Amino acid sequence: MYAIDCQDITKSYQKLRVLKGVSMQIREGDLVSILGASGAGKSTLLNIIGSLDSADGGMVLLYGRDVGKMNAKQLAILRNQEIGFIFQFHHLLPEFSALENVLLPSAIGRQSEKTSRNRAKELLDRLGMAERMTHRPGELSGGEQQRVALARALINKPRILLADEPTGNLDQENARQVLQLIFELRREQPMTTLLVTHDPQVAARADHSIMMKDGKIVE
């Protein structure tokens, strides 16, 4: 059984065909990079795998379960408990501290408050944010905000991590640090990881790479 199994996925927005029959299989625990120019369909594919969007045709199986057959409640539970998301923009809530932002998914999932708080602090400490836990996003640098977003993605110990250009808005050094942390944490907490990137050097560090062009996988 594959962790992620996409079969002939299609997606259009009005008359624009974004995905044109995408099929791929990802084994459990693999870290796979997805390369391609802007408009190739990378983000759309990631959003469909993560059930943030729905396909027009085809099938997405996550650990053998057909995402297309799940109702809204089941999809919400899936996203909360089994999928971690990291985006190019961190999407932190400005009125909450770093620690409170990290704790949001566990609160939504009604996890143990004490256990979740301890894990959130451990993650932030591991990410070099021990002294910044009480700071709000506006008081943090771009790299620090993305580290908080990474901790938030990992708080519920997801089986699948979806990272969509997570360093796209960071300078070179912060990008290097965030990516290094993703690779290190992935070894410590086994999970299937899909990483969308424009950087061939980053892609080269993955277990496998997928190239997309014009809504199709070309290699």
N, C-alpha and C. Protein backbone atom coordinates (compact mmCIF):
# COMPACT_ATOMS: atom_id res chain seq x y z
N MET A 1 0.84 -1.20 0.00
CA MET A 1 0.00 0.00 0.00
C MET A 1 0.88 1.26 0.00
N TYR A 2 0.53 2.20 -0.85
CA TYR A 2 1.26 3.46 -0.90
C TYR A 2 0.69 4.45 0.12
N ALA A 3 1.55 5.34 0.61
CA ALA A 3 1.05 6.42 1.47
C ALA A 3 0.19 7.37 0.66
N ILE A 4 0.66 7.71 -0.55
CA ILE A 4 -0.07 8.60 -1.45
C ILE A 4 -0.16 7.94 -2.82
N ASP A 5 -1.37 7.81 -3.32
CA ASP A 5 -1.59 7.17 -4.63
C ASP A 5 -2.54 8.05 -5.43
N CYS A 6 -2.01 8.76 -6.41
CA CYS A 6 -2.83 9.62 -7.27
C CYS A 6 -3.05 8.92 -8.61
N GLN A 7 -4.29 8.83 -9.02
CA GLN A 7 -4.61 8.10 -10.24
C GLN A 7 -5.39 9.01 -11.20
N ASP A 8 -4.71 9.45 -12.25
CA ASP A 8 -5.33 10.19 -13.35
C ASP A 8 -6.08 11.43 -12.87
N ILE A 9 -5.41 12.27 -12.06
CA ILE A 9 -6.04 13.45 -11.49
C ILE A 9 -6.17 14.56 -12.54
N THR A 10 -7.36 15.09 -12.66
CA THR A 10 -7.60 16.23 -13.55
C THR A 10 -8.22 17.38 -12.75
N LYS A 11 -7.92 18.60 -13.18
CA LYS A 11 -8.48 19.77 -12.53
C LYS A 11 -8.47 20.94 -13.49
N SER A 12 -9.62 21.64 -13.57
CA SER A 12 -9.73 22.83 -14.40
C SER A 12 -10.36 23.95 -13.59
N TYR A 13 -9.98 25.17 -13.90
CA TYR A 13 -10.63 26.36 -13.35
C TYR A 13 -11.20 27.12 -14.54
N GLN A 14 -12.53 27.09 -14.64
CA GLN A 14 -13.24 27.59 -15.81
C GLN A 14 -12.70 26.84 -17.05
N LYS A 15 -12.08 27.52 -17.99
CA LYS A 15 -11.61 26.84 -19.20
C LYS A 15 -10.12 26.49 -19.14
N LEU A 16 -9.48 26.81 -18.01
CA LEU A 16 -8.05 26.55 -17.87
C LEU A 16 -7.82 25.17 -17.26
N ARG A 17 -7.21 24.27 -18.03
CA ARG A 17 -6.89 22.93 -17.54
C ARG A 17 -5.55 22.98 -16.80
N VAL A 18 -5.61 22.77 -15.49
CA VAL A 18 -4.42 22.90 -14.65
C VAL A 18 -3.72 21.56 -14.48
N LEU A 19 -4.49 20.50 -14.26
CA LEU A 19 -3.93 19.15 -14.16
C LEU A 19 -4.56 18.28 -15.25
N LYS A 20 -3.72 17.54 -15.96
CA LYS A 20 -4.18 16.81 -17.15
C LYS A 20 -3.87 15.32 -17.04
N GLY A 21 -4.41 14.71 -15.99
CA GLY A 21 -4.23 13.27 -15.84
C GLY A 21 -2.95 12.91 -15.11
N VAL A 22 -2.81 13.39 -13.88
CA VAL A 22 -1.59 13.16 -13.09
C VAL A 22 -1.72 11.87 -12.29
N SER A 23 -0.74 11.00 -12.44
CA SER A 23 -0.69 9.75 -11.67
C SER A 23 0.69 9.61 -11.03
N MET A 24 0.71 9.27 -9.75
CA MET A 24 1.99 9.02 -9.06
C MET A 24 1.72 8.24 -7.79
N GLN A 25 2.73 7.52 -7.32
CA GLN A 25 2.62 6.75 -6.09
C GLN A 25 3.83 7.07 -5.22
N ILE A 26 3.58 7.35 -3.94
CA ILE A 26 4.63 7.69 -2.99
C ILE A 26 4.60 6.67 -1.86
N ARG A 27 5.74 6.05 -1.61
CA ARG A 27 5.82 5.07 -0.53
C ARG A 27 5.87 5.75 0.84
N GLU A 28 5.40 5.04 1.84
CA GLU A 28 5.41 5.56 3.20
C GLU A 28 6.84 5.90 3.64
N GLY A 29 7.01 7.09 4.20
CA GLY A 29 8.31 7.50 4.72
C GLY A 29 9.21 8.18 3.72
N ASP A 30 8.86 8.18 2.43
CA ASP A 30 9.70 8.81 1.42
C ASP A 30 9.57 10.33 1.47
N LEU A 31 10.66 11.01 1.12
CA LEU A 31 10.63 12.45 0.92
C LEU A 31 10.79 12.69 -0.58
N VAL A 32 9.77 13.25 -1.18
CA VAL A 32 9.73 13.43 -2.63
C VAL A 32 9.61 14.92 -2.95
N SER A 33 10.46 15.40 -3.83
CA SER A 33 10.39 16.79 -4.27
C SER A 33 9.61 16.88 -5.59
N ILE A 34 8.89 17.97 -5.75
CA ILE A 34 8.16 18.23 -6.98
C ILE A 34 8.70 19.52 -7.58
N LEU A 35 9.25 19.40 -8.77
CA LEU A 35 9.84 20.53 -9.48
C LEU A 35 8.97 20.96 -10.65
N GLY A 36 9.15 22.19 -11.07
CA GLY A 36 8.42 22.65 -12.25
C GLY A 36 8.26 24.16 -12.22
N ALA A 37 8.08 24.75 -13.37
CA ALA A 37 7.92 26.19 -13.47
C ALA A 37 6.58 26.62 -12.87
N SER A 38 6.45 27.91 -12.62
CA SER A 38 5.17 28.45 -12.15
C SER A 38 4.08 28.12 -13.17
N GLY A 39 2.93 27.67 -12.67
CA GLY A 39 1.83 27.31 -13.56
C GLY A 39 1.85 25.86 -14.00
N ALA A 40 2.82 25.09 -13.51
CA ALA A 40 2.91 23.69 -13.93
C ALA A 40 1.86 22.82 -13.26
N GLY A 41 1.25 23.32 -12.17
CA GLY A 41 0.22 22.56 -11.47
C GLY A 41 0.67 21.97 -10.15
N LYS A 42 1.85 22.33 -9.67
CA LYS A 42 2.43 21.75 -8.45
C LYS A 42 1.56 22.04 -7.23
N SER A 43 1.24 23.30 -7.02
CA SER A 43 0.46 23.68 -5.84
C SER A 43 -0.96 23.11 -5.89
N THR A 44 -1.54 23.11 -7.07
CA THR A 44 -2.88 22.54 -7.23
C THR A 44 -2.88 21.07 -6.86
N LEU A 45 -1.87 20.34 -7.32
CA LEU A 45 -1.77 18.92 -6.98
C LEU A 45 -1.62 18.73 -5.48
N LEU A 46 -0.79 19.55 -4.85
CA LEU A 46 -0.58 19.44 -3.41
C LEU A 46 -1.88 19.73 -2.65
N ASN A 47 -2.62 20.75 -3.09
CA ASN A 47 -3.88 21.09 -2.43
C ASN A 47 -4.91 19.97 -2.57
N ILE A 48 -4.91 19.29 -3.70
CA ILE A 48 -5.85 18.18 -3.89
C ILE A 48 -5.45 16.99 -3.03
N ILE A 49 -4.16 16.70 -2.96
CA ILE A 49 -3.70 15.60 -2.08
C ILE A 49 -4.06 15.90 -0.63
N GLY A 50 -3.92 17.17 -0.23
CA GLY A 50 -4.23 17.54 1.15
C GLY A 50 -5.69 17.83 1.41
N SER A 51 -6.54 17.60 0.43
CA SER A 51 -8.00 17.79 0.51
C SER A 51 -8.39 19.25 0.77
N LEU A 52 -7.51 20.18 0.43
CA LEU A 52 -7.87 21.59 0.48
C LEU A 52 -8.66 21.99 -0.77
N ASP A 53 -8.57 21.15 -1.79
CA ASP A 53 -9.30 21.34 -3.04
C ASP A 53 -9.71 19.96 -3.53
N SER A 54 -10.65 19.91 -4.44
CA SER A 54 -11.10 18.61 -4.95
C SER A 54 -10.78 18.49 -6.44
N ALA A 55 -10.52 17.29 -6.86
CA ALA A 55 -10.22 17.03 -8.27
C ALA A 55 -11.51 16.96 -9.07
N ASP A 56 -11.41 17.26 -10.36
CA ASP A 56 -12.56 17.08 -11.26
C ASP A 56 -12.70 15.62 -11.66
N GLY A 57 -11.59 14.94 -11.75
CA GLY A 57 -11.60 13.53 -12.13
C GLY A 57 -10.41 12.81 -11.55
N GLY A 58 -10.47 11.49 -11.55
CA GLY A 58 -9.39 10.69 -10.98
C GLY A 58 -9.62 10.37 -9.52
N MET A 59 -8.59 9.87 -8.86
CA MET A 59 -8.74 9.38 -7.50
C MET A 59 -7.47 9.66 -6.71
N VAL A 60 -7.65 10.08 -5.45
CA VAL A 60 -6.53 10.24 -4.51
C VAL A 60 -6.75 9.28 -3.35
N LEU A 61 -5.79 8.39 -3.15
CA LEU A 61 -5.83 7.46 -2.04
C LEU A 61 -4.71 7.82 -1.06
N LEU A 62 -5.06 8.01 0.20
CA LEU A 62 -4.08 8.23 1.25
C LEU A 62 -4.11 7.03 2.17
N TYR A 63 -3.02 6.27 2.15
CA TYR A 63 -2.97 5.02 2.91
C TYR A 63 -4.18 4.14 2.60
N GLY A 64 -4.54 4.09 1.32
CA GLY A 64 -5.60 3.22 0.85
C GLY A 64 -7.00 3.78 0.97
N ARG A 65 -7.16 4.95 1.56
CA ARG A 65 -8.49 5.54 1.73
C ARG A 65 -8.75 6.55 0.62
N ASP A 66 -9.90 6.45 0.00
CA ASP A 66 -10.30 7.32 -1.10
C ASP A 66 -10.77 8.66 -0.54
N VAL A 67 -9.95 9.70 -0.73
CA VAL A 67 -10.28 11.03 -0.20
C VAL A 67 -11.58 11.55 -0.81
N GLY A 68 -11.83 11.22 -2.08
CA GLY A 68 -13.02 11.71 -2.76
C GLY A 68 -14.33 11.19 -2.19
N LYS A 69 -14.27 10.12 -1.41
CA LYS A 69 -15.48 9.54 -0.83
C LYS A 69 -15.72 9.99 0.61
N MET A 70 -14.84 10.85 1.13
CA MET A 70 -14.99 11.32 2.50
C MET A 70 -15.93 12.52 2.55
N ASN A 71 -16.70 12.63 3.63
CA ASN A 71 -17.56 13.80 3.82
C ASN A 71 -16.75 14.92 4.48
N ALA A 72 -17.38 16.07 4.65
CA ALA A 72 -16.66 17.25 5.15
C ALA A 72 -16.06 17.02 6.53
N LYS A 73 -16.78 16.34 7.40
CA LYS A 73 -16.26 16.07 8.75
C LYS A 73 -15.06 15.14 8.70
N GLN A 74 -15.14 14.12 7.89
CA GLN A 74 -14.03 13.18 7.76
C GLN A 74 -12.79 13.87 7.18
N LEU A 75 -13.01 14.75 6.22
CA LEU A 75 -11.89 15.48 5.62
C LEU A 75 -11.24 16.42 6.63
N ALA A 76 -12.06 17.05 7.46
CA ALA A 76 -11.52 17.96 8.49
C ALA A 76 -10.66 17.19 9.48
N ILE A 77 -11.12 16.01 9.87
CA ILE A 77 -10.34 15.17 10.80
C ILE A 77 -9.05 14.71 10.14
N LEU A 78 -9.13 14.34 8.88
CA LEU A 78 -7.94 13.92 8.13
C LEU A 78 -6.90 15.02 8.10
N ARG A 79 -7.32 16.23 7.75
CA ARG A 79 -6.38 17.35 7.68
C ARG A 79 -5.77 17.68 9.04
N ASN A 80 -6.58 17.57 10.06
CA ASN A 80 -6.11 17.94 11.40
C ASN A 80 -5.17 16.91 12.00
N GLN A 81 -5.48 15.65 11.81
CA GLN A 81 -4.76 14.61 12.53
C GLN A 81 -3.67 13.92 11.72
N GLU A 82 -3.77 13.93 10.40
CA GLU A 82 -2.84 13.12 9.62
C GLU A 82 -2.02 13.86 8.58
N ILE A 83 -2.32 15.14 8.36
CA ILE A 83 -1.59 15.92 7.36
C ILE A 83 -1.07 17.21 7.98
N GLY A 84 0.21 17.48 7.78
CA GLY A 84 0.80 18.75 8.19
C GLY A 84 1.04 19.59 6.95
N PHE A 85 0.71 20.88 7.02
CA PHE A 85 0.85 21.79 5.87
C PHE A 85 1.86 22.89 6.19
N ILE A 86 2.76 23.14 5.26
CA ILE A 86 3.64 24.32 5.33
C ILE A 86 3.53 25.02 3.98
N PHE A 87 3.23 26.32 4.02
CA PHE A 87 3.03 27.08 2.79
C PHE A 87 4.13 28.12 2.62
N GLN A 88 4.16 28.74 1.45
CA GLN A 88 5.12 29.81 1.20
C GLN A 88 4.87 30.97 2.15
N PHE A 89 3.61 31.26 2.42
CA PHE A 89 3.22 32.26 3.40
C PHE A 89 2.82 31.52 4.67
N HIS A 90 3.32 31.97 5.80
CA HIS A 90 3.19 31.19 7.05
C HIS A 90 1.77 31.10 7.58
N HIS A 91 0.90 32.08 7.29
CA HIS A 91 -0.50 32.07 7.72
C HIS A 91 -0.63 31.94 9.25
N LEU A 92 0.23 32.62 10.00
CA LEU A 92 0.10 32.64 11.46
C LEU A 92 -0.95 33.68 11.85
N LEU A 93 -1.64 33.43 12.94
CA LEU A 93 -2.63 34.39 13.43
C LEU A 93 -1.92 35.49 14.20
N PRO A 94 -2.05 36.74 13.77
CA PRO A 94 -1.24 37.83 14.34
C PRO A 94 -1.51 38.13 15.80
N GLU A 95 -2.71 37.80 16.29
CA GLU A 95 -3.05 38.13 17.67
C GLU A 95 -2.57 37.07 18.67
N PHE A 96 -2.07 35.95 18.17
CA PHE A 96 -1.61 34.86 19.04
C PHE A 96 -0.08 34.82 19.09
N SER A 97 0.43 34.32 20.21
CA SER A 97 1.88 34.15 20.35
C SER A 97 2.34 32.98 19.49
N ALA A 98 3.66 32.84 19.37
CA ALA A 98 4.23 31.70 18.62
C ALA A 98 3.72 30.39 19.21
N LEU A 99 3.77 30.26 20.52
CA LEU A 99 3.33 29.03 21.18
C LEU A 99 1.85 28.77 20.92
N GLU A 100 1.03 29.81 21.02
CA GLU A 100 -0.41 29.65 20.81
C GLU A 100 -0.71 29.26 19.37
N ASN A 101 0.03 29.81 18.41
CA ASN A 101 -0.16 29.43 17.01
C ASN A 101 0.16 27.95 16.79
N VAL A 102 1.23 27.48 17.41
CA VAL A 102 1.61 26.07 17.27
C VAL A 102 0.55 25.16 17.87
N LEU A 103 -0.08 25.60 18.94
CA LEU A 103 -1.05 24.77 19.66
C LEU A 103 -2.42 24.69 18.98
N LEU A 104 -2.68 25.55 18.01
CA LEU A 104 -4.02 25.61 17.41
C LEU A 104 -4.50 24.25 16.87
N PRO A 105 -3.71 23.53 16.06
CA PRO A 105 -4.21 22.25 15.54
C PRO A 105 -4.54 21.24 16.64
N SER A 106 -3.75 21.22 17.71
CA SER A 106 -4.02 20.28 18.79
C SER A 106 -5.29 20.67 19.55
N ALA A 107 -5.53 21.99 19.66
CA ALA A 107 -6.75 22.44 20.31
C ALA A 107 -7.97 22.09 19.48
N ILE A 108 -7.87 22.27 18.16
CA ILE A 108 -8.96 21.91 17.26
C ILE A 108 -9.24 20.41 17.32
N GLY A 109 -8.16 19.62 17.43
CA GLY A 109 -8.31 18.18 17.50
C GLY A 109 -8.61 17.65 18.89
N ARG A 110 -8.76 18.59 19.86
CA ARG A 110 -9.11 18.23 21.24
C ARG A 110 -8.10 17.25 21.84
N GLN A 111 -6.83 17.53 21.58
CA GLN A 111 -5.76 16.74 22.17
C GLN A 111 -5.53 17.19 23.61
N SER A 112 -4.83 16.38 24.38
CA SER A 112 -4.50 16.72 25.75
C SER A 112 -3.73 18.04 25.79
N GLU A 113 -4.25 19.00 26.57
CA GLU A 113 -3.62 20.32 26.61
C GLU A 113 -2.20 20.24 27.17
N LYS A 114 -2.01 19.48 28.22
CA LYS A 114 -0.69 19.37 28.84
C LYS A 114 0.31 18.72 27.90
N THR A 115 -0.09 17.60 27.30
CA THR A 115 0.79 16.88 26.38
C THR A 115 1.12 17.75 25.17
N SER A 116 0.11 18.42 24.62
CA SER A 116 0.32 19.26 23.44
C SER A 116 1.24 20.44 23.75
N ARG A 117 1.06 21.05 24.93
CA ARG A 117 1.89 22.19 25.31
C ARG A 117 3.35 21.76 25.45
N ASN A 118 3.56 20.61 26.05
CA ASN A 118 4.93 20.11 26.20
C ASN A 118 5.56 19.84 24.84
N ARG A 119 4.77 19.22 23.94
CA ARG A 119 5.30 18.93 22.61
C ARG A 119 5.56 20.22 21.84
N ALA A 120 4.68 21.19 21.95
CA ALA A 120 4.87 22.47 21.25
C ALA A 120 6.16 23.14 21.72
N LYS A 121 6.40 23.13 23.01
CA LYS A 121 7.61 23.74 23.55
C LYS A 121 8.86 22.99 23.09
N GLU A 122 8.77 21.67 23.04
CA GLU A 122 9.90 20.86 22.58
C GLU A 122 10.21 21.16 21.10
N LEU A 123 9.15 21.28 20.28
CA LEU A 123 9.35 21.57 18.87
C LEU A 123 9.97 22.96 18.67
N LEU A 124 9.43 23.94 19.37
CA LEU A 124 9.95 25.30 19.23
C LEU A 124 11.39 25.39 19.73
N ASP A 125 11.70 24.67 20.80
CA ASP A 125 13.07 24.62 21.30
C ASP A 125 13.98 23.98 20.25
N ARG A 126 13.52 22.88 19.67
CA ARG A 126 14.29 22.17 18.64
C ARG A 126 14.53 23.06 17.43
N LEU A 127 13.59 23.95 17.16
CA LEU A 127 13.68 24.84 16.02
C LEU A 127 14.38 26.17 16.35
N GLY A 128 14.98 26.23 17.55
CA GLY A 128 15.71 27.43 17.93
C GLY A 128 14.83 28.60 18.34
N MET A 129 13.61 28.30 18.79
CA MET A 129 12.65 29.36 19.12
C MET A 129 12.29 29.38 20.60
N ALA A 130 13.14 28.81 21.45
CA ALA A 130 12.83 28.71 22.88
C ALA A 130 12.64 30.09 23.53
N GLU A 131 13.40 31.08 23.04
CA GLU A 131 13.33 32.42 23.63
C GLU A 131 12.29 33.31 22.96
N ARG A 132 11.56 32.75 21.99
CA ARG A 132 10.63 33.58 21.22
C ARG A 132 9.19 33.07 21.30
N MET A 133 8.94 32.12 22.19
CA MET A 133 7.63 31.48 22.25
C MET A 133 6.49 32.44 22.55
N THR A 134 6.75 33.47 23.35
CA THR A 134 5.68 34.39 23.75
C THR A 134 5.53 35.57 22.79
N HIS A 135 6.38 35.62 21.77
CA HIS A 135 6.32 36.72 20.81
C HIS A 135 5.22 36.47 19.77
N ARG A 136 4.60 37.52 19.34
CA ARG A 136 3.60 37.43 18.27
C ARG A 136 4.29 37.49 16.91
N PRO A 137 3.60 37.04 15.85
CA PRO A 137 4.23 36.99 14.54
C PRO A 137 4.86 38.31 14.10
N GLY A 138 4.21 39.43 14.42
CA GLY A 138 4.74 40.73 14.02
C GLY A 138 6.07 41.07 14.66
N GLU A 139 6.41 40.35 15.72
CA GLU A 139 7.67 40.58 16.43
C GLU A 139 8.75 39.59 16.00
N LEU A 140 8.44 38.74 15.02
CA LEU A 140 9.37 37.71 14.57
C LEU A 140 9.84 37.99 13.15
N SER A 141 11.04 37.53 12.83
CA SER A 141 11.54 37.65 11.46
C SER A 141 10.83 36.65 10.56
N GLY A 142 11.03 36.78 9.26
CA GLY A 142 10.40 35.85 8.33
C GLY A 142 10.83 34.41 8.58
N GLY A 143 12.12 34.21 8.84
CA GLY A 143 12.61 32.86 9.12
C GLY A 143 12.02 32.30 10.40
N GLU A 144 11.89 33.14 11.41
CA GLU A 144 11.30 32.69 12.67
C GLU A 144 9.82 32.34 12.50
N GLN A 145 9.11 33.14 11.73
CA GLN A 145 7.70 32.85 11.47
C GLN A 145 7.54 31.51 10.77
N GLN A 146 8.42 31.21 9.81
CA GLN A 146 8.31 29.95 9.10
C GLN A 146 8.67 28.78 10.00
N ARG A 147 9.53 28.98 10.98
CA ARG A 147 9.84 27.92 11.94
C ARG A 147 8.62 27.63 12.82
N VAL A 148 7.92 28.68 13.19
CA VAL A 148 6.69 28.50 13.95
C VAL A 148 5.66 27.73 13.12
N ALA A 149 5.56 28.06 11.84
CA ALA A 149 4.64 27.36 10.95
C ALA A 149 5.02 25.89 10.82
N LEU A 150 6.32 25.60 10.81
CA LEU A 150 6.77 24.22 10.74
C LEU A 150 6.40 23.46 12.01
N ALA A 151 6.60 24.08 13.16
CA ALA A 151 6.21 23.45 14.42
C ALA A 151 4.71 23.19 14.46
N ARG A 152 3.93 24.15 13.97
CA ARG A 152 2.47 23.98 13.91
C ARG A 152 2.09 22.80 13.03
N ALA A 153 2.80 22.64 11.92
CA ALA A 153 2.50 21.53 11.00
C ALA A 153 2.79 20.18 11.64
N LEU A 154 3.73 20.15 12.59
CA LEU A 154 4.17 18.88 13.17
C LEU A 154 3.55 18.57 14.52
N ILE A 155 2.79 19.49 15.09
CA ILE A 155 2.31 19.34 16.47
C ILE A 155 1.48 18.07 16.67
N ASN A 156 0.68 17.68 15.68
CA ASN A 156 -0.18 16.50 15.83
C ASN A 156 0.46 15.22 15.27
N LYS A 157 1.77 15.26 15.04
CA LYS A 157 2.52 14.11 14.53
C LYS A 157 1.87 13.53 13.26
N PRO A 158 1.80 14.32 12.20
CA PRO A 158 1.13 13.87 10.97
C PRO A 158 1.88 12.73 10.30
N ARG A 159 1.13 11.93 9.58
CA ARG A 159 1.75 10.87 8.77
C ARG A 159 2.26 11.40 7.45
N ILE A 160 1.67 12.53 7.01
CA ILE A 160 2.04 13.15 5.74
C ILE A 160 2.33 14.63 5.96
N LEU A 161 3.46 15.10 5.42
CA LEU A 161 3.81 16.51 5.47
C LEU A 161 3.82 17.06 4.04
N LEU A 162 3.04 18.10 3.80
CA LEU A 162 2.96 18.75 2.49
C LEU A 162 3.56 20.15 2.60
N ALA A 163 4.65 20.40 1.90
CA ALA A 163 5.35 21.68 1.98
C ALA A 163 5.37 22.34 0.61
N ASP A 164 4.67 23.46 0.49
CA ASP A 164 4.54 24.15 -0.79
C ASP A 164 5.44 25.39 -0.81
N GLU A 165 6.60 25.27 -1.43
CA GLU A 165 7.58 26.36 -1.49
C GLU A 165 7.78 27.01 -0.12
N PRO A 166 8.12 26.21 0.91
CA PRO A 166 8.17 26.75 2.27
C PRO A 166 9.24 27.81 2.49
N THR A 167 10.20 27.92 1.57
CA THR A 167 11.26 28.91 1.73
C THR A 167 11.18 30.00 0.66
N GLY A 168 10.07 30.07 -0.04
CA GLY A 168 9.95 31.00 -1.16
C GLY A 168 10.10 32.46 -0.79
N ASN A 169 9.78 32.82 0.45
CA ASN A 169 9.86 34.22 0.88
C ASN A 169 11.01 34.49 1.83
N LEU A 170 11.96 33.54 1.93
CA LEU A 170 13.07 33.69 2.86
C LEU A 170 14.37 33.99 2.14
N ASP A 171 15.28 34.66 2.84
CA ASP A 171 16.60 34.86 2.27
C ASP A 171 17.35 33.53 2.26
N GLN A 172 18.49 33.52 1.62
CA GLN A 172 19.21 32.27 1.38
C GLN A 172 19.57 31.53 2.66
N GLU A 173 20.04 32.24 3.67
CA GLU A 173 20.47 31.59 4.90
C GLU A 173 19.27 31.02 5.68
N ASN A 174 18.20 31.81 5.80
CA ASN A 174 17.01 31.31 6.49
C ASN A 174 16.39 30.14 5.73
N ALA A 175 16.42 30.21 4.41
CA ALA A 175 15.89 29.12 3.61
C ALA A 175 16.68 27.85 3.86
N ARG A 176 18.01 27.99 3.90
CA ARG A 176 18.87 26.83 4.16
C ARG A 176 18.56 26.21 5.52
N GLN A 177 18.38 27.06 6.53
CA GLN A 177 18.13 26.56 7.89
C GLN A 177 16.78 25.86 7.98
N VAL A 178 15.74 26.46 7.40
CA VAL A 178 14.40 25.85 7.46
C VAL A 178 14.40 24.50 6.75
N LEU A 179 15.01 24.44 5.57
CA LEU A 179 15.06 23.17 4.83
C LEU A 179 15.87 22.12 5.58
N GLN A 180 16.97 22.53 6.20
CA GLN A 180 17.77 21.59 6.98
C GLN A 180 16.95 21.01 8.12
N LEU A 181 16.14 21.86 8.75
CA LEU A 181 15.28 21.41 9.85
C LEU A 181 14.22 20.42 9.35
N ILE A 182 13.67 20.67 8.18
CA ILE A 182 12.68 19.75 7.61
C ILE A 182 13.32 18.38 7.39
N PHE A 183 14.52 18.36 6.83
CA PHE A 183 15.19 17.09 6.57
C PHE A 183 15.56 16.38 7.88
N GLU A 184 16.00 17.13 8.88
CA GLU A 184 16.38 16.53 10.17
C GLU A 184 15.16 15.99 10.91
N LEU A 185 14.11 16.79 10.96
CA LEU A 185 12.91 16.37 11.69
C LEU A 185 12.24 15.18 11.02
N ARG A 186 12.35 15.13 9.72
CA ARG A 186 11.77 14.01 8.99
C ARG A 186 12.45 12.70 9.38
N ARG A 187 13.76 12.76 9.64
CA ARG A 187 14.48 11.56 10.08
C ARG A 187 14.08 11.17 11.50
N GLU A 188 13.82 12.17 12.34
CA GLU A 188 13.48 11.91 13.73
C GLU A 188 12.02 11.47 13.87
N GLN A 189 11.15 12.00 13.04
CA GLN A 189 9.73 11.66 13.08
C GLN A 189 9.34 11.16 11.69
N PRO A 190 9.41 9.85 11.46
CA PRO A 190 9.13 9.31 10.13
C PRO A 190 7.77 9.75 9.60
N MET A 191 7.77 10.33 8.43
CA MET A 191 6.52 10.74 7.79
C MET A 191 6.79 10.87 6.30
N THR A 192 5.76 10.72 5.55
CA THR A 192 5.83 10.87 4.10
C THR A 192 5.79 12.36 3.78
N THR A 193 6.75 12.84 3.01
CA THR A 193 6.89 14.28 2.78
C THR A 193 6.90 14.60 1.29
N LEU A 194 6.05 15.54 0.89
CA LEU A 194 6.04 16.09 -0.47
C LEU A 194 6.49 17.54 -0.38
N LEU A 195 7.56 17.88 -1.09
CA LEU A 195 8.14 19.20 -1.01
C LEU A 195 8.17 19.85 -2.40
N VAL A 196 7.36 20.88 -2.58
CA VAL A 196 7.37 21.64 -3.84
C VAL A 196 8.49 22.66 -3.78
N THR A 197 9.34 22.69 -4.79
CA THR A 197 10.47 23.61 -4.80
C THR A 197 10.85 23.97 -6.24
N HIS A 198 11.50 25.13 -6.37
CA HIS A 198 12.07 25.52 -7.66
C HIS A 198 13.57 25.24 -7.70
N ASP A 199 14.13 24.82 -6.56
CA ASP A 199 15.57 24.71 -6.40
C ASP A 199 16.05 23.29 -6.68
N PRO A 200 16.78 23.06 -7.77
CA PRO A 200 17.28 21.72 -8.08
C PRO A 200 18.19 21.15 -7.00
N GLN A 201 18.92 22.02 -6.28
CA GLN A 201 19.80 21.54 -5.21
C GLN A 201 19.00 20.97 -4.05
N VAL A 202 17.87 21.61 -3.75
CA VAL A 202 16.98 21.08 -2.71
C VAL A 202 16.38 19.76 -3.17
N ALA A 203 15.93 19.74 -4.42
CA ALA A 203 15.31 18.53 -4.97
C ALA A 203 16.28 17.35 -4.94
N ALA A 204 17.55 17.65 -5.14
CA ALA A 204 18.55 16.58 -5.20
C ALA A 204 18.72 15.87 -3.86
N ARG A 205 18.31 16.51 -2.77
CA ARG A 205 18.44 15.90 -1.44
C ARG A 205 17.27 14.97 -1.11
N ALA A 206 16.24 15.00 -1.92
CA ALA A 206 15.07 14.15 -1.68
C ALA A 206 15.36 12.71 -2.10
N ASP A 207 14.52 11.79 -1.61
CA ASP A 207 14.65 10.39 -2.01
C ASP A 207 14.33 10.23 -3.50
N HIS A 208 13.33 10.98 -3.95
CA HIS A 208 12.93 10.94 -5.36
C HIS A 208 12.49 12.34 -5.77
N SER A 209 12.56 12.63 -7.05
CA SER A 209 12.10 13.91 -7.58
C SER A 209 11.10 13.67 -8.70
N ILE A 210 10.11 14.56 -8.77
CA ILE A 210 9.10 14.52 -9.83
C ILE A 210 9.13 15.86 -10.55
N MET A 211 9.18 15.82 -11.86
CA MET A 211 9.14 17.04 -12.66
C MET A 211 7.76 17.21 -13.29
N MET A 212 7.16 18.39 -13.10
CA MET A 212 5.87 18.68 -13.71
C MET A 212 6.01 19.78 -14.76
N LYS A 213 5.22 19.65 -15.82
CA LYS A 213 5.18 20.66 -16.87
C LYS A 213 3.80 20.68 -17.49
N ASP A 214 3.20 21.85 -17.55
CA ASP A 214 1.89 22.01 -18.20
C ASP A 214 0.85 21.02 -17.68
N GLY A 215 0.81 20.84 -16.37
CA GLY A 215 -0.23 20.02 -15.77
C GLY A 215 0.00 18.52 -15.85
N LYS A 216 1.21 18.12 -16.22
CA LYS A 216 1.52 16.69 -16.33
C LYS A 216 2.86 16.39 -15.66
N ILE A 217 3.02 15.13 -15.25
CA ILE A 217 4.32 14.67 -14.80
C ILE A 217 5.12 14.23 -16.02
N VAL A 218 6.29 14.84 -16.19
CA VAL A 218 7.07 14.54 -17.39
C VAL A 218 8.26 13.64 -17.09
N GLU A 219 8.64 13.53 -15.78
CA GLU A 219 9.72 12.60 -15.42
C GLU A 219 9.73 12.40 -13.92
